[in-house]
C-alpha cells in the first residue's frame, strides 16, 4: 500500500501563536459585528468508483475513501470509519492548539490516537446491532513545561468545544433524499 499526503507546512511556535491569535481576534470582531456570521456551511461531494470506493471533493482537496478487500474494497484509501476517527483527531488537534494558546499553556509535543469498536453485524443487516461505533477512545500524548493538572483542564475544555467530538458524542439530525 502506498501512502501519499501533502506534508504539513512547518511553522515555528511563534508563527502558530500569531496565526491562532489573529484568527481568534478576526472571528471575535466578525461575531461582535454580526452574530449571523457564526453560521457556516461545509460541503463535500462524492462519486462512486471501483468496487465500493468514493472519490471525495471537499473544498480544494480531493481524496479517495475505500474499504479493504475483506469488505469488498480495493484498499485505495482509508475506510470511512478510519477517516471519521482521523477527522476526530484532526479537530482535536486544532482545538488543543487554540485553547492552549487561550489558556497560556505551552505544548512541546502533541500526538493523538483514536480507536473505535465496531460490530460488522450491524453493517450486514442485524437489526439488533448498532452499525456504528459502540465506543471510541482517544489517547492524547501531550508534553510541555506546565503542570499536569493544567493539561487535564485543557483536555476537558477541548472535549467540550471540539465540533467533531460533539458529532461523535451527540445525535445530529441527518436528512437524506434522492436527487
N, C-alpha and C. Protein backbone atom coordinates (compact mmCIF):
# COMPACT_ATOMS: atom_id res chain seq x y z
N UNK A 1 0.84 -1.16 0.00
CA UNK A 1 0.00 0.00 0.00
C UNK A 1 0.90 1.24 0.00
N UNK A 2 0.59 2.18 -0.85
CA UNK A 2 1.32 3.43 -0.92
C UNK A 2 0.51 4.51 -0.21
N UNK A 3 1.17 5.22 0.65
CA UNK A 3 0.50 6.32 1.36
C UNK A 3 1.04 7.62 0.80
N UNK A 4 0.14 8.46 0.33
CA UNK A 4 0.55 9.76 -0.19
C UNK A 4 -0.25 10.84 0.52
N UNK A 5 0.45 11.86 0.90
CA UNK A 5 -0.20 13.01 1.53
C UNK A 5 0.73 14.20 1.40
N UNK A 6 0.15 15.34 1.23
CA UNK A 6 0.95 16.56 1.21
C UNK A 6 1.51 16.77 2.61
N UNK A 7 2.78 17.10 2.72
CA UNK A 7 3.35 17.32 4.05
C UNK A 7 2.77 18.58 4.68
N UNK A 8 2.62 18.53 5.99
CA UNK A 8 2.16 19.72 6.69
C UNK A 8 3.26 20.77 6.61
N UNK A 9 2.88 21.99 6.54
CA UNK A 9 3.84 23.08 6.46
C UNK A 9 4.46 23.27 7.83
N UNK A 10 5.76 23.36 7.87
CA UNK A 10 6.46 23.57 9.14
C UNK A 10 6.42 25.05 9.50
N UNK A 11 6.01 25.31 10.74
CA UNK A 11 5.99 26.69 11.23
C UNK A 11 6.59 26.70 12.63
N UNK A 12 7.00 27.83 13.06
CA UNK A 12 7.53 27.97 14.41
C UNK A 12 6.39 28.11 15.40
N UNK A 13 6.73 27.94 16.68
CA UNK A 13 5.73 28.14 17.73
C UNK A 13 5.21 29.58 17.70
N UNK A 14 6.10 30.52 17.44
CA UNK A 14 5.69 31.93 17.38
C UNK A 14 4.74 32.17 16.21
N UNK A 15 5.02 31.56 15.06
CA UNK A 15 4.12 31.72 13.91
C UNK A 15 2.76 31.10 14.20
N UNK A 16 2.74 29.93 14.85
CA UNK A 16 1.47 29.29 15.21
C UNK A 16 0.70 30.20 16.16
N UNK A 17 1.37 30.73 17.17
CA UNK A 17 0.71 31.61 18.14
C UNK A 17 0.14 32.84 17.44
N UNK A 18 0.89 33.39 16.50
CA UNK A 18 0.42 34.57 15.76
C UNK A 18 -0.82 34.23 14.94
N UNK A 19 -0.82 33.08 14.28
CA UNK A 19 -1.99 32.66 13.49
C UNK A 19 -3.21 32.45 14.37
N UNK A 20 -3.01 31.75 15.48
CA UNK A 20 -4.14 31.47 16.38
C UNK A 20 -4.71 32.77 16.96
N UNK A 21 -3.84 33.66 17.38
CA UNK A 21 -4.29 34.94 17.93
C UNK A 21 -5.01 35.76 16.88
N UNK A 22 -4.46 35.81 15.67
CA UNK A 22 -5.10 36.58 14.59
C UNK A 22 -6.46 36.00 14.24
N UNK A 23 -6.56 34.67 14.15
CA UNK A 23 -7.84 34.04 13.81
C UNK A 23 -8.88 34.31 14.89
N UNK A 24 -8.49 34.15 16.14
CA UNK A 24 -9.44 34.38 17.22
C UNK A 24 -9.87 35.84 17.26
N UNK A 25 -8.95 36.76 17.05
CA UNK A 25 -9.27 38.19 17.03
C UNK A 25 -10.22 38.51 15.87
N UNK A 26 -9.90 38.00 14.67
CA UNK A 26 -10.73 38.28 13.49
C UNK A 26 -12.15 37.73 13.67
N UNK A 27 -12.26 36.50 14.20
CA UNK A 27 -13.59 35.93 14.43
C UNK A 27 -14.33 36.69 15.52
N UNK A 28 -13.61 37.11 16.53
CA UNK A 28 -14.25 37.90 17.58
C UNK A 28 -14.86 39.18 17.03
N UNK A 29 -14.12 39.85 16.15
CA UNK A 29 -14.64 41.08 15.52
C UNK A 29 -15.84 40.79 14.63
N UNK A 30 -15.73 39.72 13.82
CA UNK A 30 -16.85 39.38 12.92
C UNK A 30 -18.11 39.08 13.70
N UNK A 31 -17.96 38.31 14.77
CA UNK A 31 -19.13 37.91 15.55
C UNK A 31 -19.69 39.08 16.36
N UNK A 32 -18.82 39.96 16.83
CA UNK A 32 -19.29 41.14 17.55
C UNK A 32 -20.09 42.06 16.62
N UNK A 33 -19.67 42.11 15.36
CA UNK A 33 -20.37 42.96 14.39
C UNK A 33 -21.71 42.36 13.97
N UNK A 34 -21.76 41.02 13.86
CA UNK A 34 -23.00 40.37 13.40
C UNK A 34 -22.91 38.89 13.74
N UNK A 35 -23.68 38.46 14.71
CA UNK A 35 -23.63 37.08 15.18
C UNK A 35 -24.04 36.08 14.08
N UNK A 36 -24.74 36.54 13.05
CA UNK A 36 -25.13 35.62 11.97
C UNK A 36 -23.91 35.09 11.23
N UNK A 37 -22.76 35.76 11.37
CA UNK A 37 -21.52 35.27 10.74
C UNK A 37 -21.04 33.96 11.36
N UNK A 38 -21.62 33.56 12.48
CA UNK A 38 -21.22 32.33 13.16
C UNK A 38 -21.71 31.09 12.41
N UNK A 39 -22.73 31.23 11.59
CA UNK A 39 -23.29 30.08 10.87
C UNK A 39 -22.51 29.82 9.60
N UNK A 40 -21.83 28.67 9.58
CA UNK A 40 -21.06 28.25 8.41
C UNK A 40 -21.67 27.00 7.82
N UNK A 41 -21.49 26.80 6.53
CA UNK A 41 -21.94 25.59 5.86
C UNK A 41 -20.71 24.94 5.23
N UNK A 42 -20.47 23.70 5.57
CA UNK A 42 -19.38 22.93 4.98
C UNK A 42 -19.97 21.92 4.02
N UNK A 43 -19.30 21.67 2.90
CA UNK A 43 -19.82 20.71 1.93
C UNK A 43 -18.72 19.77 1.47
N UNK A 44 -19.15 18.63 1.02
CA UNK A 44 -18.30 17.65 0.38
C UNK A 44 -19.15 16.96 -0.67
N UNK A 45 -18.53 16.53 -1.76
CA UNK A 45 -19.25 15.82 -2.82
C UNK A 45 -18.47 14.55 -3.14
N UNK A 46 -19.18 13.48 -3.42
CA UNK A 46 -18.51 12.21 -3.71
C UNK A 46 -19.08 11.52 -4.92
N UNK A 47 -18.19 10.78 -5.60
CA UNK A 47 -18.58 9.99 -6.76
C UNK A 47 -18.07 8.57 -6.57
N UNK A 48 -18.94 7.59 -6.78
CA UNK A 48 -18.56 6.20 -6.62
C UNK A 48 -17.54 5.79 -7.66
N UNK A 49 -16.54 5.00 -7.24
CA UNK A 49 -15.50 4.46 -8.13
C UNK A 49 -15.18 3.04 -7.71
N UNK A 50 -14.58 2.29 -8.62
CA UNK A 50 -14.11 0.95 -8.27
C UNK A 50 -15.21 0.10 -7.68
N UNK A 51 -14.83 -0.83 -6.80
CA UNK A 51 -15.81 -1.73 -6.20
C UNK A 51 -16.74 -0.98 -5.24
N UNK A 52 -16.17 -0.32 -4.24
CA UNK A 52 -17.00 0.39 -3.27
C UNK A 52 -16.38 1.73 -2.85
N UNK A 53 -15.42 2.22 -3.58
CA UNK A 53 -14.71 3.46 -3.22
C UNK A 53 -15.54 4.69 -3.57
N UNK A 54 -15.16 5.79 -2.95
CA UNK A 54 -15.76 7.10 -3.24
C UNK A 54 -14.64 8.11 -3.40
N UNK A 55 -14.67 8.85 -4.49
CA UNK A 55 -13.75 9.97 -4.68
C UNK A 55 -14.46 11.19 -4.12
N UNK A 56 -13.87 11.81 -3.12
CA UNK A 56 -14.50 12.93 -2.41
C UNK A 56 -13.78 14.22 -2.76
N UNK A 57 -14.57 15.24 -2.96
CA UNK A 57 -14.06 16.59 -3.18
C UNK A 57 -14.59 17.44 -2.04
N UNK A 58 -13.67 18.05 -1.28
CA UNK A 58 -14.03 18.92 -0.16
C UNK A 58 -13.17 20.17 -0.28
N UNK A 59 -13.81 21.28 -0.62
CA UNK A 59 -13.03 22.50 -0.86
C UNK A 59 -12.07 22.30 -2.02
N UNK A 60 -10.80 22.61 -1.80
CA UNK A 60 -9.78 22.43 -2.84
C UNK A 60 -9.14 21.05 -2.78
N UNK A 61 -9.65 20.17 -1.93
CA UNK A 61 -8.99 18.89 -1.68
C UNK A 61 -9.80 17.74 -2.26
N UNK A 62 -9.09 16.73 -2.71
CA UNK A 62 -9.71 15.54 -3.26
C UNK A 62 -9.02 14.33 -2.65
N UNK A 63 -9.83 13.33 -2.27
CA UNK A 63 -9.26 12.11 -1.70
C UNK A 63 -10.21 10.95 -1.96
N UNK A 64 -9.67 9.73 -1.78
CA UNK A 64 -10.45 8.52 -2.01
C UNK A 64 -10.70 7.84 -0.67
N UNK A 65 -11.94 7.43 -0.49
CA UNK A 65 -12.33 6.63 0.66
C UNK A 65 -12.67 5.25 0.12
N UNK A 66 -12.15 4.21 0.74
CA UNK A 66 -12.38 2.86 0.24
C UNK A 66 -12.43 1.91 1.43
N UNK A 67 -12.62 0.67 1.15
CA UNK A 67 -12.61 -0.39 2.15
C UNK A 67 -11.49 -1.37 1.81
N UNK A 68 -11.02 -2.12 2.79
CA UNK A 68 -10.06 -3.19 2.49
C UNK A 68 -10.76 -4.31 1.72
N UNK A 69 -9.98 -5.20 1.16
CA UNK A 69 -10.52 -6.30 0.36
C UNK A 69 -11.55 -7.12 1.13
N UNK A 70 -11.34 -7.31 2.42
CA UNK A 70 -12.26 -8.10 3.24
C UNK A 70 -13.66 -7.49 3.34
N UNK A 71 -13.78 -6.22 2.98
CA UNK A 71 -15.09 -5.56 2.97
C UNK A 71 -15.44 -5.10 1.56
N UNK A 72 -14.98 -5.86 0.57
CA UNK A 72 -15.31 -5.69 -0.86
C UNK A 72 -14.59 -4.54 -1.53
N UNK A 73 -13.63 -3.92 -0.87
CA UNK A 73 -12.94 -2.78 -1.45
C UNK A 73 -11.64 -3.13 -2.16
N UNK A 74 -11.00 -2.08 -2.68
CA UNK A 74 -9.71 -2.21 -3.36
C UNK A 74 -8.59 -1.64 -2.49
N UNK A 75 -8.91 -1.18 -1.30
CA UNK A 75 -7.96 -0.58 -0.36
C UNK A 75 -7.22 0.60 -0.99
N UNK A 76 -7.96 1.39 -1.77
CA UNK A 76 -7.38 2.56 -2.44
C UNK A 76 -7.32 3.78 -1.54
N UNK A 77 -7.86 3.68 -0.35
CA UNK A 77 -7.85 4.78 0.60
C UNK A 77 -8.29 4.28 1.96
N UNK A 78 -8.21 5.14 2.93
CA UNK A 78 -8.68 4.78 4.27
C UNK A 78 -10.18 4.51 4.22
N UNK A 79 -10.66 3.70 5.15
CA UNK A 79 -12.09 3.38 5.20
C UNK A 79 -12.86 4.56 5.78
N UNK A 80 -14.17 4.59 5.56
CA UNK A 80 -14.98 5.68 6.13
C UNK A 80 -14.84 5.81 7.64
N UNK A 81 -14.80 4.69 8.35
CA UNK A 81 -14.70 4.79 9.81
C UNK A 81 -13.30 5.21 10.24
N UNK A 82 -12.27 4.82 9.49
CA UNK A 82 -10.92 5.30 9.80
C UNK A 82 -10.83 6.80 9.58
N UNK A 83 -11.44 7.29 8.50
CA UNK A 83 -11.44 8.73 8.25
C UNK A 83 -12.25 9.48 9.30
N UNK A 84 -13.31 8.87 9.80
CA UNK A 84 -14.08 9.50 10.87
C UNK A 84 -13.20 9.66 12.11
N UNK A 85 -12.44 8.62 12.45
CA UNK A 85 -11.51 8.73 13.58
C UNK A 85 -10.43 9.77 13.29
N UNK A 86 -9.95 9.80 12.05
CA UNK A 86 -8.95 10.80 11.67
C UNK A 86 -9.51 12.21 11.76
N UNK A 87 -10.77 12.40 11.36
CA UNK A 87 -11.41 13.71 11.48
C UNK A 87 -11.50 14.12 12.94
N UNK A 88 -11.80 13.18 13.81
CA UNK A 88 -11.86 13.46 15.24
C UNK A 88 -10.50 13.92 15.75
N UNK A 89 -9.44 13.21 15.36
CA UNK A 89 -8.10 13.59 15.80
C UNK A 89 -7.67 14.93 15.23
N UNK A 90 -8.00 15.18 13.96
CA UNK A 90 -7.65 16.45 13.33
C UNK A 90 -8.34 17.61 14.03
N UNK A 91 -9.61 17.44 14.35
CA UNK A 91 -10.35 18.50 15.02
C UNK A 91 -9.81 18.71 16.43
N UNK A 92 -9.51 17.62 17.13
CA UNK A 92 -8.95 17.73 18.47
C UNK A 92 -7.63 18.52 18.44
N UNK A 93 -6.80 18.26 17.45
CA UNK A 93 -5.52 18.97 17.34
C UNK A 93 -5.75 20.47 17.22
N UNK A 94 -6.67 20.86 16.34
CA UNK A 94 -6.98 22.28 16.17
C UNK A 94 -7.42 22.89 17.49
N UNK A 95 -8.32 22.21 18.17
CA UNK A 95 -8.90 22.78 19.39
C UNK A 95 -7.88 22.75 20.54
N UNK A 96 -7.00 21.74 20.58
CA UNK A 96 -5.91 21.76 21.56
C UNK A 96 -5.03 22.97 21.35
N UNK A 97 -4.65 23.24 20.11
CA UNK A 97 -3.79 24.39 19.82
C UNK A 97 -4.49 25.70 20.19
N UNK A 98 -5.75 25.82 19.81
CA UNK A 98 -6.50 27.05 20.07
C UNK A 98 -6.61 27.33 21.57
N UNK A 99 -7.04 26.33 22.33
CA UNK A 99 -7.26 26.56 23.75
C UNK A 99 -5.97 26.57 24.57
N UNK A 100 -4.93 25.90 24.12
CA UNK A 100 -3.63 26.04 24.79
C UNK A 100 -3.17 27.48 24.68
N UNK A 101 -3.34 28.06 23.49
CA UNK A 101 -2.99 29.46 23.28
C UNK A 101 -3.82 30.36 24.19
N UNK A 102 -5.10 30.12 24.23
CA UNK A 102 -6.00 30.95 25.04
C UNK A 102 -5.70 30.84 26.54
N UNK A 103 -5.35 29.63 26.99
CA UNK A 103 -5.09 29.40 28.41
C UNK A 103 -3.63 29.67 28.80
N UNK A 104 -2.81 30.04 27.82
CA UNK A 104 -1.41 30.35 28.11
C UNK A 104 -0.56 29.12 28.40
N UNK A 105 -0.93 27.98 27.82
CA UNK A 105 -0.17 26.74 28.02
C UNK A 105 0.80 26.53 26.86
N UNK A 106 1.92 25.91 27.15
CA UNK A 106 2.90 25.56 26.13
C UNK A 106 2.77 24.09 25.81
N UNK A 107 2.68 23.77 24.53
CA UNK A 107 2.67 22.38 24.08
C UNK A 107 3.97 22.13 23.33
N UNK A 108 4.82 21.27 23.89
CA UNK A 108 6.06 20.90 23.21
C UNK A 108 5.83 19.76 22.23
N UNK A 109 4.91 18.86 22.58
CA UNK A 109 4.60 17.71 21.71
C UNK A 109 3.15 17.34 21.91
N UNK A 110 2.47 17.08 20.79
CA UNK A 110 1.07 16.67 20.81
C UNK A 110 0.89 15.54 19.82
N UNK A 111 0.53 14.37 20.30
CA UNK A 111 0.26 13.21 19.45
C UNK A 111 -1.02 12.56 19.96
N UNK A 112 -1.90 12.20 19.05
CA UNK A 112 -3.19 11.64 19.42
C UNK A 112 -3.42 10.31 18.73
N UNK A 113 -4.13 9.42 19.41
CA UNK A 113 -4.54 8.14 18.83
C UNK A 113 -6.02 7.94 19.15
N UNK A 114 -6.74 7.34 18.22
CA UNK A 114 -8.15 7.02 18.47
C UNK A 114 -8.42 5.60 17.99
N UNK A 115 -9.26 4.94 18.70
CA UNK A 115 -9.74 3.63 18.25
C UNK A 115 -11.21 3.52 18.58
N UNK A 116 -11.92 2.83 17.70
CA UNK A 116 -13.35 2.67 17.88
C UNK A 116 -13.74 1.21 17.74
N UNK A 117 -14.73 0.80 18.49
CA UNK A 117 -15.24 -0.57 18.46
C UNK A 117 -16.47 -0.63 17.58
N UNK A 118 -16.40 -1.46 16.54
CA UNK A 118 -17.50 -1.57 15.59
C UNK A 118 -17.82 -3.05 15.39
N UNK A 119 -19.08 -3.40 15.45
CA UNK A 119 -19.55 -4.77 15.22
C UNK A 119 -20.13 -4.81 13.81
N UNK A 120 -19.47 -5.52 12.88
CA UNK A 120 -19.89 -5.51 11.47
C UNK A 120 -21.23 -6.18 11.24
N UNK A 121 -21.78 -6.87 12.23
CA UNK A 121 -23.11 -7.44 12.04
C UNK A 121 -24.14 -6.35 11.77
N UNK A 122 -23.97 -5.17 12.36
CA UNK A 122 -24.88 -4.05 12.09
C UNK A 122 -24.80 -3.61 10.65
N UNK A 123 -23.59 -3.54 10.10
CA UNK A 123 -23.40 -3.20 8.69
C UNK A 123 -24.10 -4.19 7.78
N UNK A 124 -24.01 -5.47 8.13
CA UNK A 124 -24.56 -6.52 7.27
C UNK A 124 -26.00 -6.89 7.58
N UNK A 125 -26.71 -6.02 8.31
CA UNK A 125 -28.16 -6.16 8.40
C UNK A 125 -28.74 -6.64 9.71
N UNK A 126 -27.95 -6.92 10.73
CA UNK A 126 -28.52 -7.33 12.00
C UNK A 126 -29.22 -6.14 12.64
N UNK A 127 -30.53 -6.26 12.81
CA UNK A 127 -31.31 -5.15 13.33
C UNK A 127 -31.06 -4.88 14.81
N UNK A 128 -30.53 -5.86 15.53
CA UNK A 128 -30.31 -5.69 16.97
C UNK A 128 -28.88 -5.24 17.30
N UNK A 129 -28.09 -4.90 16.26
CA UNK A 129 -26.71 -4.46 16.46
C UNK A 129 -26.53 -3.09 15.80
N UNK A 130 -26.04 -2.16 16.56
CA UNK A 130 -25.78 -0.82 16.03
C UNK A 130 -24.72 -0.89 14.93
N UNK A 131 -24.94 -0.23 13.78
CA UNK A 131 -23.95 -0.28 12.71
C UNK A 131 -22.74 0.62 12.95
N UNK A 132 -22.85 1.57 13.85
CA UNK A 132 -21.75 2.49 14.13
C UNK A 132 -20.90 2.04 15.29
N UNK A 133 -19.98 2.92 15.67
CA UNK A 133 -19.11 2.61 16.80
C UNK A 133 -19.91 2.44 18.08
N UNK A 134 -19.56 1.42 18.86
CA UNK A 134 -20.14 1.24 20.20
C UNK A 134 -19.42 2.14 21.20
N UNK A 135 -18.20 2.48 20.89
CA UNK A 135 -17.41 3.34 21.77
C UNK A 135 -16.14 3.77 21.06
N UNK A 136 -15.63 4.92 21.44
CA UNK A 136 -14.40 5.46 20.87
C UNK A 136 -13.52 5.90 22.03
N UNK A 137 -12.24 5.59 21.91
CA UNK A 137 -11.26 6.01 22.91
C UNK A 137 -10.20 6.87 22.24
N UNK A 138 -9.87 7.98 22.88
CA UNK A 138 -8.82 8.87 22.40
C UNK A 138 -7.73 8.92 23.47
N UNK A 139 -6.49 8.75 23.04
CA UNK A 139 -5.35 8.93 23.93
C UNK A 139 -4.57 10.13 23.42
N UNK A 140 -4.37 11.10 24.29
CA UNK A 140 -3.66 12.32 23.94
C UNK A 140 -2.33 12.32 24.68
N UNK A 141 -1.25 12.23 23.92
CA UNK A 141 0.09 12.36 24.49
C UNK A 141 0.50 13.81 24.32
N UNK A 142 0.60 14.49 25.44
CA UNK A 142 0.90 15.92 25.41
C UNK A 142 2.03 16.19 26.40
N UNK A 143 3.01 16.91 25.93
CA UNK A 143 4.15 17.27 26.77
C UNK A 143 4.35 18.77 26.72
N UNK A 144 4.81 19.29 27.83
CA UNK A 144 5.13 20.70 27.94
C UNK A 144 5.56 21.01 29.35
N UNK A 145 5.95 22.24 29.59
CA UNK A 145 6.51 22.62 30.89
C UNK A 145 5.47 22.91 31.97
N UNK A 146 4.21 22.96 31.61
CA UNK A 146 3.18 23.32 32.58
C UNK A 146 2.79 22.12 33.45
N UNK A 147 2.13 22.40 34.56
CA UNK A 147 1.70 21.34 35.48
C UNK A 147 0.70 20.41 34.79
N UNK A 148 0.77 19.15 35.13
CA UNK A 148 -0.11 18.13 34.53
C UNK A 148 -1.58 18.51 34.70
N UNK A 149 -1.95 19.07 35.84
CA UNK A 149 -3.34 19.45 36.10
C UNK A 149 -3.83 20.48 35.08
N UNK A 150 -2.96 21.34 34.60
CA UNK A 150 -3.34 22.33 33.60
C UNK A 150 -3.66 21.65 32.27
N UNK A 151 -2.89 20.60 31.91
CA UNK A 151 -3.16 19.87 30.67
C UNK A 151 -4.45 19.06 30.79
N UNK A 152 -4.75 18.59 31.99
CA UNK A 152 -6.03 17.89 32.21
C UNK A 152 -7.18 18.88 32.05
N UNK A 153 -7.02 20.10 32.57
CA UNK A 153 -8.02 21.15 32.37
C UNK A 153 -8.19 21.42 30.87
N UNK A 154 -7.08 21.50 30.15
CA UNK A 154 -7.12 21.71 28.70
C UNK A 154 -7.90 20.59 28.02
N UNK A 155 -7.66 19.35 28.43
CA UNK A 155 -8.36 18.21 27.83
C UNK A 155 -9.87 18.35 28.01
N UNK A 156 -10.30 18.75 29.18
CA UNK A 156 -11.74 18.92 29.44
C UNK A 156 -12.32 20.03 28.56
N UNK A 157 -11.60 21.13 28.43
CA UNK A 157 -12.06 22.25 27.61
C UNK A 157 -12.14 21.82 26.14
N UNK A 158 -11.12 21.10 25.67
CA UNK A 158 -11.11 20.65 24.28
C UNK A 158 -12.29 19.73 24.01
N UNK A 159 -12.51 18.76 24.88
CA UNK A 159 -13.64 17.83 24.67
C UNK A 159 -14.97 18.57 24.66
N UNK A 160 -15.09 19.64 25.43
CA UNK A 160 -16.34 20.40 25.49
C UNK A 160 -16.55 21.28 24.26
N UNK A 161 -15.48 21.62 23.53
CA UNK A 161 -15.60 22.58 22.43
C UNK A 161 -15.21 22.05 21.06
N UNK A 162 -14.82 20.80 20.96
CA UNK A 162 -14.40 20.22 19.67
C UNK A 162 -15.63 19.82 18.85
N UNK A 163 -15.83 20.43 17.66
CA UNK A 163 -17.01 20.10 16.85
C UNK A 163 -17.14 18.63 16.47
N UNK A 164 -16.05 17.97 16.13
CA UNK A 164 -16.17 16.56 15.72
C UNK A 164 -16.37 15.67 16.94
N UNK A 165 -15.79 16.01 18.07
CA UNK A 165 -16.08 15.29 19.32
C UNK A 165 -17.58 15.38 19.59
N UNK A 166 -18.15 16.56 19.37
CA UNK A 166 -19.59 16.74 19.55
C UNK A 166 -20.39 15.84 18.61
N UNK A 167 -19.93 15.71 17.35
CA UNK A 167 -20.62 14.83 16.41
C UNK A 167 -20.65 13.38 16.90
N UNK A 168 -19.54 12.94 17.48
CA UNK A 168 -19.47 11.58 18.00
C UNK A 168 -20.28 11.43 19.29
N UNK A 169 -20.37 12.49 20.07
CA UNK A 169 -20.98 12.41 21.40
C UNK A 169 -22.48 12.63 21.43
N UNK A 170 -23.00 13.32 20.42
CA UNK A 170 -24.41 13.71 20.44
C UNK A 170 -25.07 13.36 19.11
N UNK A 171 -26.34 13.07 19.19
CA UNK A 171 -27.10 12.78 17.98
C UNK A 171 -27.18 14.05 17.13
N UNK A 172 -26.92 13.91 15.85
CA UNK A 172 -27.01 15.01 14.90
C UNK A 172 -28.07 14.64 13.86
N UNK A 173 -29.09 15.46 13.68
CA UNK A 173 -30.11 15.14 12.69
C UNK A 173 -29.51 15.07 11.28
N UNK A 174 -29.87 14.05 10.54
CA UNK A 174 -29.43 13.88 9.16
C UNK A 174 -30.66 13.68 8.30
N UNK A 175 -30.72 14.41 7.21
CA UNK A 175 -31.80 14.27 6.24
C UNK A 175 -31.19 13.70 4.98
N UNK A 176 -31.75 12.61 4.48
CA UNK A 176 -31.28 12.01 3.24
C UNK A 176 -32.42 12.00 2.25
N UNK A 177 -32.13 12.41 1.02
CA UNK A 177 -33.17 12.38 -0.03
C UNK A 177 -32.51 12.02 -1.35
N UNK A 178 -33.29 11.52 -2.24
CA UNK A 178 -32.81 11.23 -3.59
C UNK A 178 -32.85 12.51 -4.40
N UNK A 179 -31.79 12.74 -5.21
CA UNK A 179 -31.71 13.96 -6.03
C UNK A 179 -32.44 13.82 -7.32
